[in-house]
Amino acid sequence: MLPAMVDEKKKAELGQHLSLLRAELEELARTNADRAKTIAGFAELSAHEATRPQPHPELLELSVTGLRKSVQEFEVTHPRLVEIVGSLSAVLSGVGL
């Protein structure tokens, strides 16, 4: 079960990863705006679910899975994006997934 509240350290770490992701998504948006928007949506949804006062474990797992899958096709062309999403997913998993 997830903790009722995410501590401030985890929130700060999550915020750092989201900032890195936003920068990479700006780069991706130059060539594929639609996919960048999809990835951003999954990231936002995952972060929202992880930081809710009473997170729903299944919804968090589904949103993180969607986030991971949304970047799979970019392993060759945008490896940094895939790396950041992997790190973000690990942080979210550390919240209690």
PDB file of N, CA and C in Angstrom:
ATOM      1  N   MET A   1       0.843  -1.191   0.000  1.00  0.00           N
ATOM      2  CA  MET A   1       0.000   0.000   0.000  1.00  0.00           C
ATOM      3  C   MET A   1       0.882   1.247   0.000  1.00  0.00           C
ATOM      4  N   LEU A   2       0.430   2.279  -0.665  1.00  0.00           N
ATOM      5  CA  LEU A   2       1.185   3.518  -0.749  1.00  0.00           C
ATOM      6  C   LEU A   2       1.059   4.323   0.537  1.00  0.00           C
ATOM      7  N   PRO A   3       2.090   5.091   0.854  1.00  0.00           N
ATOM      8  CA  PRO A   3       1.986   5.959   2.019  1.00  0.00           C
ATOM      9  C   PRO A   3       0.932   7.030   1.769  1.00  0.00           C
ATOM     10  N   ALA A   4       0.338   7.520   2.836  1.00  0.00           N
ATOM     11  CA  ALA A   4      -0.717   8.522   2.708  1.00  0.00           C
ATOM     12  C   ALA A   4      -0.189   9.834   2.131  1.00  0.00           C
ATOM     13  N   MET A   5       1.034  10.160   2.418  1.00  0.00           N
ATOM     14  CA  MET A   5       1.604  11.410   1.922  1.00  0.00           C
ATOM     15  C   MET A   5       3.017  11.149   1.402  1.00  0.00           C
ATOM     16  N   VAL A   6       3.371  11.833   0.327  1.00  0.00           N
ATOM     17  CA  VAL A   6       4.716  11.742  -0.208  1.00  0.00           C
ATOM     18  C   VAL A   6       5.553  12.794   0.520  1.00  0.00           C
ATOM     19  N   ASP A   7       6.717  12.397   1.028  1.00  0.00           N
ATOM     20  CA  ASP A   7       7.521  13.359   1.771  1.00  0.00           C
ATOM     21  C   ASP A   7       8.099  14.427   0.839  1.00  0.00           C
ATOM     22  N   GLU A   8       8.527  15.513   1.432  1.00  0.00           N
ATOM     23  CA  GLU A   8       9.014  16.662   0.666  1.00  0.00           C
ATOM     24  C   GLU A   8      10.247  16.332  -0.170  1.00  0.00           C
ATOM     25  N   LYS A   9      11.100  15.459   0.345  1.00  0.00           N
ATOM     26  CA  LYS A   9      12.295  15.075  -0.403  1.00  0.00           C
ATOM     27  C   LYS A   9      11.906  14.377  -1.704  1.00  0.00           C
ATOM     28  N   LYS A  10      10.941  13.457  -1.624  1.00  0.00           N
ATOM     29  CA  LYS A  10      10.464  12.752  -2.820  1.00  0.00           C
ATOM     30  C   LYS A  10       9.790  13.724  -3.787  1.00  0.00           C
ATOM     31  N   LYS A  11       9.035  14.667  -3.258  1.00  0.00           N
ATOM     32  CA  LYS A  11       8.380  15.662  -4.118  1.00  0.00           C
ATOM     33  C   LYS A  11       9.421  16.493  -4.858  1.00  0.00           C
ATOM     34  N   ALA A  12      10.487  16.876  -4.167  1.00  0.00           N
ATOM     35  CA  ALA A  12      11.546  17.664  -4.795  1.00  0.00           C
ATOM     36  C   ALA A  12      12.242  16.854  -5.881  1.00  0.00           C
ATOM     37  N   GLU A  13      12.519  15.588  -5.591  1.00  0.00           N
ATOM     38  CA  GLU A  13      13.158  14.709  -6.563  1.00  0.00           C
ATOM     39  C   GLU A  13      12.251  14.521  -7.784  1.00  0.00           C
ATOM     40  N   LEU A  14      10.998  14.349  -7.538  1.00  0.00           N
ATOM     41  CA  LEU A  14      10.021  14.209  -8.615  1.00  0.00           C
ATOM     42  C   LEU A  14       9.994  15.479  -9.468  1.00  0.00           C
ATOM     43  N   GLY A  15      10.016  16.635  -8.819  1.00  0.00           N
ATOM     44  CA  GLY A  15      10.022  17.906  -9.533  1.00  0.00           C
ATOM     45  C   GLY A  15      11.251  18.076 -10.411  1.00  0.00           C
ATOM     46  N   GLN A  16      12.402  17.640  -9.934  1.00  0.00           N
ATOM     47  CA  GLN A  16      13.634  17.717 -10.729  1.00  0.00           C
ATOM     48  C   GLN A  16      13.537  16.858 -11.976  1.00  0.00           C
ATOM     49  N   HIS A  17      13.028  15.656 -11.817  1.00  0.00           N
ATOM     50  CA  HIS A  17      12.887  14.759 -12.970  1.00  0.00           C
ATOM     51  C   HIS A  17      11.873  15.316 -13.972  1.00  0.00           C
ATOM     52  N   LEU A  18      10.804  15.898 -13.472  1.00  0.00           N
ATOM     53  CA  LEU A  18       9.808  16.479 -14.375  1.00  0.00           C
ATOM     54  C   LEU A  18      10.378  17.668 -15.141  1.00  0.00           C
ATOM     55  N   SER A  19      11.229  18.450 -14.504  1.00  0.00           N
ATOM     56  CA  SER A  19      11.874  19.575 -15.194  1.00  0.00           C
ATOM     57  C   SER A  19      12.782  19.082 -16.318  1.00  0.00           C
ATOM     58  N   LEU A  20      13.553  18.041 -16.042  1.00  0.00           N
ATOM     59  CA  LEU A  20      14.402  17.449 -17.083  1.00  0.00           C
ATOM     60  C   LEU A  20      13.555  16.908 -18.232  1.00  0.00           C
ATOM     61  N   LEU A  21      12.454  16.267 -17.876  1.00  0.00           N
ATOM     62  CA  LEU A  21      11.571  15.713 -18.899  1.00  0.00           C
ATOM     63  C   LEU A  21      10.982  16.819 -19.770  1.00  0.00           C
ATOM     64  N   ARG A  22      10.562  17.906 -19.164  1.00  0.00           N
ATOM     65  CA  ARG A  22      10.001  19.026 -19.946  1.00  0.00           C
ATOM     66  C   ARG A  22      11.006  19.539 -20.972  1.00  0.00           C
ATOM     67  N   ALA A  23      12.257  19.665 -20.575  1.00  0.00           N
ATOM     68  CA  ALA A  23      13.292  20.139 -21.498  1.00  0.00           C
ATOM     69  C   ALA A  23      13.463  19.177 -22.674  1.00  0.00           C
ATOM     70  N   GLU A  24      13.468  17.894 -22.397  1.00  0.00           N
ATOM     71  CA  GLU A  24      13.591  16.904 -23.474  1.00  0.00           C
ATOM     72  C   GLU A  24      12.359  16.898 -24.364  1.00  0.00           C
ATOM     73  N   LEU A  25      11.192  17.094 -23.766  1.00  0.00           N
ATOM     74  CA  LEU A  25       9.964  17.112 -24.562  1.00  0.00           C
ATOM     75  C   LEU A  25       9.902  18.318 -25.489  1.00  0.00           C
ATOM     76  N   GLU A  26      10.505  19.422 -25.086  1.00  0.00           N
ATOM     77  CA  GLU A  26      10.578  20.590 -25.980  1.00  0.00           C
ATOM     78  C   GLU A  26      11.360  20.230 -27.234  1.00  0.00           C
ATOM     79  N   GLU A  27      12.422  19.474 -27.062  1.00  0.00           N
ATOM     80  CA  GLU A  27      13.230  19.019 -28.197  1.00  0.00           C
ATOM     81  C   GLU A  27      12.412  18.077 -29.088  1.00  0.00           C
ATOM     82  N   LEU A  28      11.753  17.119 -28.496  1.00  0.00           N
ATOM     83  CA  LEU A  28      10.943  16.168 -29.254  1.00  0.00           C
ATOM     84  C   LEU A  28       9.795  16.872 -29.981  1.00  0.00           C
ATOM     85  N   ALA A  29       9.217  17.866 -29.353  1.00  0.00           N
ATOM     86  CA  ALA A  29       8.068  18.568 -29.935  1.00  0.00           C
ATOM     87  C   ALA A  29       8.408  19.246 -31.261  1.00  0.00           C
ATOM     88  N   ARG A  30       9.665  19.532 -31.484  1.00  0.00           N
ATOM     89  CA  ARG A  30      10.070  20.150 -32.750  1.00  0.00           C
ATOM     90  C   ARG A  30       9.801  19.232 -33.936  1.00  0.00           C
ATOM     91  N   THR A  31       9.879  17.928 -33.693  1.00  0.00           N
ATOM     92  CA  THR A  31       9.684  16.967 -34.779  1.00  0.00           C
ATOM     93  C   THR A  31       8.436  16.108 -34.597  1.00  0.00           C
ATOM     94  N   ASN A  32       7.932  16.007 -33.370  1.00  0.00           N
ATOM     95  CA  ASN A  32       6.795  15.140 -33.109  1.00  0.00           C
ATOM     96  C   ASN A  32       5.982  15.690 -31.938  1.00  0.00           C
ATOM     97  N   ALA A  33       5.272  16.774 -32.197  1.00  0.00           N
ATOM     98  CA  ALA A  33       4.530  17.468 -31.143  1.00  0.00           C
ATOM     99  C   ALA A  33       3.451  16.591 -30.521  1.00  0.00           C
ATOM    100  N   ASP A  34       2.793  15.792 -31.327  1.00  0.00           N
ATOM    101  CA  ASP A  34       1.714  14.957 -30.813  1.00  0.00           C
ATOM    102  C   ASP A  34       2.225  13.941 -29.793  1.00  0.00           C
ATOM    103  N   ARG A  35       3.334  13.270 -30.101  1.00  0.00           N
ATOM    104  CA  ARG A  35       3.894  12.285 -29.167  1.00  0.00           C
ATOM    105  C   ARG A  35       4.441  12.965 -27.917  1.00  0.00           C
ATOM    106  N   ALA A  36       5.035  14.138 -28.085  1.00  0.00           N
ATOM    107  CA  ALA A  36       5.534  14.878 -26.921  1.00  0.00           C
ATOM    108  C   ALA A  36       4.379  15.198 -25.975  1.00  0.00           C
ATOM    109  N   LYS A  37       3.237  15.554 -26.528  1.00  0.00           N
ATOM    110  CA  LYS A  37       2.059  15.865 -25.716  1.00  0.00           C
ATOM    111  C   LYS A  37       1.563  14.615 -24.986  1.00  0.00           C
ATOM    112  N   THR A  38       1.585  13.476 -25.661  1.00  0.00           N
ATOM    113  CA  THR A  38       1.166  12.219 -25.036  1.00  0.00           C
ATOM    114  C   THR A  38       2.073  11.869 -23.861  1.00  0.00           C
ATOM    115  N   ILE A  39       3.373  11.964 -24.070  1.00  0.00           N
ATOM    116  CA  ILE A  39       4.335  11.652 -23.008  1.00  0.00           C
ATOM    117  C   ILE A  39       4.141  12.602 -21.830  1.00  0.00           C
ATOM    118  N   ALA A  40       3.963  13.872 -22.122  1.00  0.00           N
ATOM    119  CA  ALA A  40       3.745  14.864 -21.062  1.00  0.00           C
ATOM    120  C   ALA A  40       2.472  14.538 -20.276  1.00  0.00           C
ATOM    121  N   GLY A  41       1.447  14.108 -20.973  1.00  0.00           N
ATOM    122  CA  GLY A  41       0.198  13.757 -20.299  1.00  0.00           C
ATOM    123  C   GLY A  41       0.366  12.589 -19.337  1.00  0.00           C
ATOM    124  N   PHE A  42       1.064  11.547 -19.792  1.00  0.00           N
ATOM    125  CA  PHE A  42       1.310  10.409 -18.904  1.00  0.00           C
ATOM    126  C   PHE A  42       2.171  10.817 -17.713  1.00  0.00           C
ATOM    127  N   ALA A  43       3.151  11.666 -17.950  1.00  0.00           N
ATOM    128  CA  ALA A  43       4.014  12.115 -16.849  1.00  0.00           C
ATOM    129  C   ALA A  43       3.210  12.919 -15.833  1.00  0.00           C
ATOM    130  N   GLU A  44       2.365  13.811 -16.327  1.00  0.00           N
ATOM    131  CA  GLU A  44       1.539  14.630 -15.432  1.00  0.00           C
ATOM    132  C   GLU A  44       0.577  13.754 -14.629  1.00  0.00           C
ATOM    133  N   LEU A  45      -0.061  12.821 -15.302  1.00  0.00           N
ATOM    134  CA  LEU A  45      -0.990  11.922 -14.634  1.00  0.00           C
ATOM    135  C   LEU A  45      -0.282  11.076 -13.571  1.00  0.00           C
ATOM    136  N   SER A  46       0.895  10.563 -13.908  1.00  0.00           N
ATOM    137  CA  SER A  46       1.662   9.754 -12.959  1.00  0.00           C
ATOM    138  C   SER A  46       2.054  10.568 -11.732  1.00  0.00           C
ATOM    139  N   ALA A  47       2.549  11.771 -11.960  1.00  0.00           N
ATOM    140  CA  ALA A  47       2.958  12.631 -10.845  1.00  0.00           C
ATOM    141  C   ALA A  47       1.758  13.002  -9.985  1.00  0.00           C
ATOM    142  N   HIS A  48       0.646  13.305 -10.629  1.00  0.00           N
ATOM    143  CA  HIS A  48      -0.569  13.642  -9.887  1.00  0.00           C
ATOM    144  C   HIS A  48      -0.997  12.493  -8.983  1.00  0.00           C
ATOM    145  N   GLU A  49      -1.040  11.300  -9.565  1.00  0.00           N
ATOM    146  CA  GLU A  49      -1.491  10.139  -8.790  1.00  0.00           C
ATOM    147  C   GLU A  49      -0.523   9.834  -7.648  1.00  0.00           C
ATOM    148  N   ALA A  50       0.768   9.981  -7.894  1.00  0.00           N
ATOM    149  CA  ALA A  50       1.765   9.685  -6.860  1.00  0.00           C
ATOM    150  C   ALA A  50       1.719  10.659  -5.692  1.00  0.00           C
ATOM    151  N   THR A  51       1.298  11.882  -5.945  1.00  0.00           N
ATOM    152  CA  THR A  51       1.333  12.908  -4.890  1.00  0.00           C
ATOM    153  C   THR A  51      -0.034  13.209  -4.284  1.00  0.00           C
ATOM    154  N   ARG A  52      -1.044  12.464  -4.671  1.00  0.00           N
ATOM    155  CA  ARG A  52      -2.366  12.637  -4.053  1.00  0.00           C
ATOM    156  C   ARG A  52      -2.295  12.243  -2.586  1.00  0.00           C
ATOM    157  N   PRO A  53      -3.149  12.829  -1.748  1.00  0.00           N
ATOM    158  CA  PRO A  53      -3.158  12.440  -0.332  1.00  0.00           C
ATOM    159  C   PRO A  53      -3.434  10.948  -0.138  1.00  0.00           C
ATOM    160  N   GLN A  54      -4.268  10.385  -0.966  1.00  0.00           N
ATOM    161  CA  GLN A  54      -4.570   8.952  -0.903  1.00  0.00           C
ATOM    162  C   GLN A  54      -4.399   8.355  -2.311  1.00  0.00           C
ATOM    163  N   PRO A  55      -3.158   8.108  -2.732  1.00  0.00           N
ATOM    164  CA  PRO A  55      -2.938   7.571  -4.079  1.00  0.00           C
ATOM    165  C   PRO A  55      -3.596   6.215  -4.268  1.00  0.00           C
ATOM    166  N   HIS A  56      -4.008   5.952  -5.471  1.00  0.00           N
ATOM    167  CA  HIS A  56      -4.608   4.666  -5.829  1.00  0.00           C
ATOM    168  C   HIS A  56      -3.520   3.843  -6.518  1.00  0.00           C
ATOM    169  N   PRO A  57      -3.047   2.772  -5.890  1.00  0.00           N
ATOM    170  CA  PRO A  57      -1.907   2.008  -6.429  1.00  0.00           C
ATOM    171  C   PRO A  57      -2.103   1.526  -7.867  1.00  0.00           C
ATOM    172  N   GLU A  58      -3.284   1.041  -8.193  1.00  0.00           N
ATOM    173  CA  GLU A  58      -3.515   0.543  -9.552  1.00  0.00           C
ATOM    174  C   GLU A  58      -3.439   1.654 -10.580  1.00  0.00           C
ATOM    175  N   LEU A  59      -4.011   2.796 -10.266  1.00  0.00           N
ATOM    176  CA  LEU A  59      -3.973   3.924 -11.199  1.00  0.00           C
ATOM    177  C   LEU A  59      -2.546   4.434 -11.381  1.00  0.00           C
ATOM    178  N   LEU A  60      -1.787   4.459 -10.302  1.00  0.00           N
ATOM    179  CA  LEU A  60      -0.394   4.881 -10.404  1.00  0.00           C
ATOM    180  C   LEU A  60       0.384   3.902 -11.276  1.00  0.00           C
ATOM    181  N   GLU A  61       0.183   2.625 -11.068  1.00  0.00           N
ATOM    182  CA  GLU A  61       0.875   1.623 -11.866  1.00  0.00           C
ATOM    183  C   GLU A  61       0.507   1.742 -13.344  1.00  0.00           C
ATOM    184  N   LEU A  62      -0.772   1.929 -13.630  1.00  0.00           N
ATOM    185  CA  LEU A  62      -1.214   2.077 -15.024  1.00  0.00           C
ATOM    186  C   LEU A  62      -0.620   3.320 -15.678  1.00  0.00           C
ATOM    187  N   SER A  63      -0.605   4.424 -14.960  1.00  0.00           N
ATOM    188  CA  SER A  63      -0.083   5.656 -15.550  1.00  0.00           C
ATOM    189  C   SER A  63       1.429   5.570 -15.779  1.00  0.00           C
ATOM    190  N   VAL A  64       2.156   4.946 -14.867  1.00  0.00           N
ATOM    191  CA  VAL A  64       3.607   4.787 -15.043  1.00  0.00           C
ATOM    192  C   VAL A  64       3.887   3.829 -16.200  1.00  0.00           C
ATOM    193  N   THR A  65       3.101   2.779 -16.322  1.00  0.00           N
ATOM    194  CA  THR A  65       3.259   1.855 -17.447  1.00  0.00           C
ATOM    195  C   THR A  65       3.016   2.591 -18.763  1.00  0.00           C
ATOM    196  N   GLY A  66       1.992   3.408 -18.810  1.00  0.00           N
ATOM    197  CA  GLY A  66       1.719   4.204 -20.012  1.00  0.00           C
ATOM    198  C   GLY A  66       2.864   5.143 -20.331  1.00  0.00           C
ATOM    199  N   LEU A  67       3.433   5.756 -19.305  1.00  0.00           N
ATOM    200  CA  LEU A  67       4.570   6.651 -19.497  1.00  0.00           C
ATOM    201  C   LEU A  67       5.751   5.905 -20.102  1.00  0.00           C
ATOM    202  N   ARG A  68       6.060   4.760 -19.546  1.00  0.00           N
ATOM    203  CA  ARG A  68       7.182   3.960 -20.068  1.00  0.00           C
ATOM    204  C   ARG A  68       6.948   3.546 -21.520  1.00  0.00           C
ATOM    205  N   LYS A  69       5.749   3.074 -21.814  1.00  0.00           N
ATOM    206  CA  LYS A  69       5.431   2.617 -23.168  1.00  0.00           C
ATOM    207  C   LYS A  69       5.427   3.773 -24.175  1.00  0.00           C
ATOM    208  N   SER A  70       5.072   4.953 -23.717  1.00  0.00           N
ATOM    209  CA  SER A  70       4.980   6.097 -24.623  1.00  0.00           C
ATOM    210  C   SER A  70       6.333   6.540 -25.172  1.00  0.00           C
ATOM    211  N   VAL A  71       7.428   6.120 -24.542  1.00  0.00           N
ATOM    212  CA  VAL A  71       8.763   6.520 -25.021  1.00  0.00           C
ATOM    213  C   VAL A  71       9.546   5.383 -25.667  1.00  0.00           C
ATOM    214  N   GLN A  72       9.015   4.181 -25.656  1.00  0.00           N
ATOM    215  CA  GLN A  72       9.763   3.026 -26.158  1.00  0.00           C
ATOM    216  C   GLN A  72      10.294   3.224 -27.577  1.00  0.00           C
ATOM    217  N   GLU A  73       9.514   3.797 -28.446  1.00  0.00           N
ATOM    218  CA  GLU A  73       9.940   3.935 -29.838  1.00  0.00           C
ATOM    219  C   GLU A  73      11.061   4.964 -30.030  1.00  0.00           C
ATOM    220  N   PHE A  74      11.395   5.694 -28.981  1.00  0.00           N
ATOM    221  CA  PHE A  74      12.409   6.743 -29.089  1.00  0.00           C
ATOM    222  C   PHE A  74      13.767   6.333 -28.531  1.00  0.00           C
ATOM    223  N   GLU A  75      13.962   5.055 -28.262  1.00  0.00           N
ATOM    224  CA  GLU A  75      15.224   4.588 -27.678  1.00  0.00           C
ATOM    225  C   GLU A  75      16.429   4.959 -28.532  1.00  0.00           C
ATOM    226  N   VAL A  76      16.292   4.893 -29.838  1.00  0.00           N
ATOM    227  CA  VAL A  76      17.412   5.196 -30.736  1.00  0.00           C
ATOM    228  C   VAL A  76      17.513   6.694 -31.006  1.00  0.00           C
ATOM    229  N   THR A  77      16.396   7.327 -31.297  1.00  0.00           N
ATOM    230  CA  THR A  77      16.430   8.734 -31.716  1.00  0.00           C
ATOM    231  C   THR A  77      16.515   9.728 -30.556  1.00  0.00           C
ATOM    232  N   HIS A  78      15.989   9.367 -29.402  1.00  0.00           N
ATOM    233  CA  HIS A  78      15.993  10.255 -28.235  1.00  0.00           C
ATOM    234  C   HIS A  78      16.345   9.467 -26.971  1.00  0.00           C
ATOM    235  N   PRO A  79      17.564   8.936 -26.913  1.00  0.00           N
ATOM    236  CA  PRO A  79      17.929   8.095 -25.764  1.00  0.00           C
ATOM    237  C   PRO A  79      17.868   8.826 -24.427  1.00  0.00           C
ATOM    238  N   ARG A  80      18.154  10.114 -24.426  1.00  0.00           N
ATOM    239  CA  ARG A  80      18.100  10.889 -23.172  1.00  0.00           C
ATOM    240  C   ARG A  80      16.661  10.956 -22.646  1.00  0.00           C
ATOM    241  N   LEU A  81      15.702  11.094 -23.534  1.00  0.00           N
ATOM    242  CA  LEU A  81      14.294  11.104 -23.156  1.00  0.00           C
ATOM    243  C   LEU A  81      13.922   9.788 -22.474  1.00  0.00           C
ATOM    244  N   VAL A  82      14.322   8.684 -23.072  1.00  0.00           N
ATOM    245  CA  VAL A  82      14.029   7.363 -22.515  1.00  0.00           C
ATOM    246  C   VAL A  82      14.716   7.202 -21.150  1.00  0.00           C
ATOM    247  N   GLU A  83      15.931   7.687 -21.036  1.00  0.00           N
ATOM    248  CA  GLU A  83      16.666   7.622 -19.768  1.00  0.00           C
ATOM    249  C   GLU A  83      15.955   8.418 -18.676  1.00  0.00           C
ATOM    250  N   ILE A  84      15.506   9.615 -19.009  1.00  0.00           N
ATOM    251  CA  ILE A  84      14.808  10.461 -18.028  1.00  0.00           C
ATOM    252  C   ILE A  84      13.508   9.802 -17.590  1.00  0.00           C
ATOM    253  N   VAL A  85      12.767   9.245 -18.529  1.00  0.00           N
ATOM    254  CA  VAL A  85      11.517   8.568 -18.180  1.00  0.00           C
ATOM    255  C   VAL A  85      11.803   7.360 -17.289  1.00  0.00           C
ATOM    256  N   GLY A  86      12.877   6.647 -17.558  1.00  0.00           N
ATOM    257  CA  GLY A  86      13.250   5.530 -16.700  1.00  0.00           C
ATOM    258  C   GLY A  86      13.546   5.983 -15.281  1.00  0.00           C
ATOM    259  N   SER A  87      14.274   7.088 -15.156  1.00  0.00           N
ATOM    260  CA  SER A  87      14.587   7.633 -13.827  1.00  0.00           C
ATOM    261  C   SER A  87      13.331   8.120 -13.122  1.00  0.00           C
ATOM    262  N   LEU A  88      12.475   8.789 -13.865  1.00  0.00           N
ATOM    263  CA  LEU A  88      11.207   9.282 -13.297  1.00  0.00           C
ATOM    264  C   LEU A  88      10.362   8.104 -12.824  1.00  0.00           C
ATOM    265  N   SER A  89      10.306   7.068 -13.619  1.00  0.00           N
ATOM    266  CA  SER A  89       9.541   5.872 -13.244  1.00  0.00           C
ATOM    267  C   SER A  89      10.091   5.251 -11.961  1.00  0.00           C
ATOM    268  N   ALA A  90      11.412   5.255 -11.821  1.00  0.00           N
ATOM    269  CA  ALA A  90      12.038   4.709 -10.605  1.00  0.00           C
ATOM    270  C   ALA A  90      11.653   5.545  -9.382  1.00  0.00           C
ATOM    271  N   VAL A  91      11.628   6.860  -9.544  1.00  0.00           N
ATOM    272  CA  VAL A  91      11.222   7.723  -8.434  1.00  0.00           C
ATOM    273  C   VAL A  91       9.781   7.429  -8.059  1.00  0.00           C
ATOM    274  N   LEU A  92       8.922   7.320  -9.058  1.00  0.00           N
ATOM    275  CA  LEU A  92       7.526   7.020  -8.790  1.00  0.00           C
ATOM    276  C   LEU A  92       7.380   5.654  -8.126  1.00  0.00           C
ATOM    277  N   SER A  93       8.181   4.707  -8.548  1.00  0.00           N
ATOM    278  CA  SER A  93       8.156   3.379  -7.927  1.00  0.00           C
ATOM    279  C   SER A  93       8.606   3.455  -6.466  1.00  0.00           C
ATOM    280  N   GLY A  94       9.546   4.359  -6.196  1.00  0.00           N
ATOM    281  CA  GLY A  94      10.019   4.544  -4.834  1.00  0.00           C
ATOM    282  C   GLY A  94       8.970   5.129  -3.917  1.00  0.00           C
ATOM    283  N   VAL A  95       7.964   5.740  -4.503  1.00  0.00           N
ATOM    284  CA  VAL A  95       6.871   6.300  -3.719  1.00  0.00           C
ATOM    285  C   VAL A  95       6.032   5.157  -3.152  1.00  0.00           C
ATOM    286  N   GLY A  96       6.131   3.997  -3.785  1.00  0.00           N
ATOM    287  CA  GLY A  96       5.397   2.866  -3.211  1.00  0.00           C
ATOM    288  C   GLY A  96       4.769   1.955  -4.217  1.00  0.00           C
ATOM    289  N   LEU A  97       5.074   2.133  -5.497  1.00  0.00           N
ATOM    290  CA  LEU A  97       4.485   1.278  -6.530  1.00  0.00           C
ATOM    291  C   LEU A  97       4.931  -0.157  -6.373  1.00  0.00           C
TER     292      LEU A  97
END
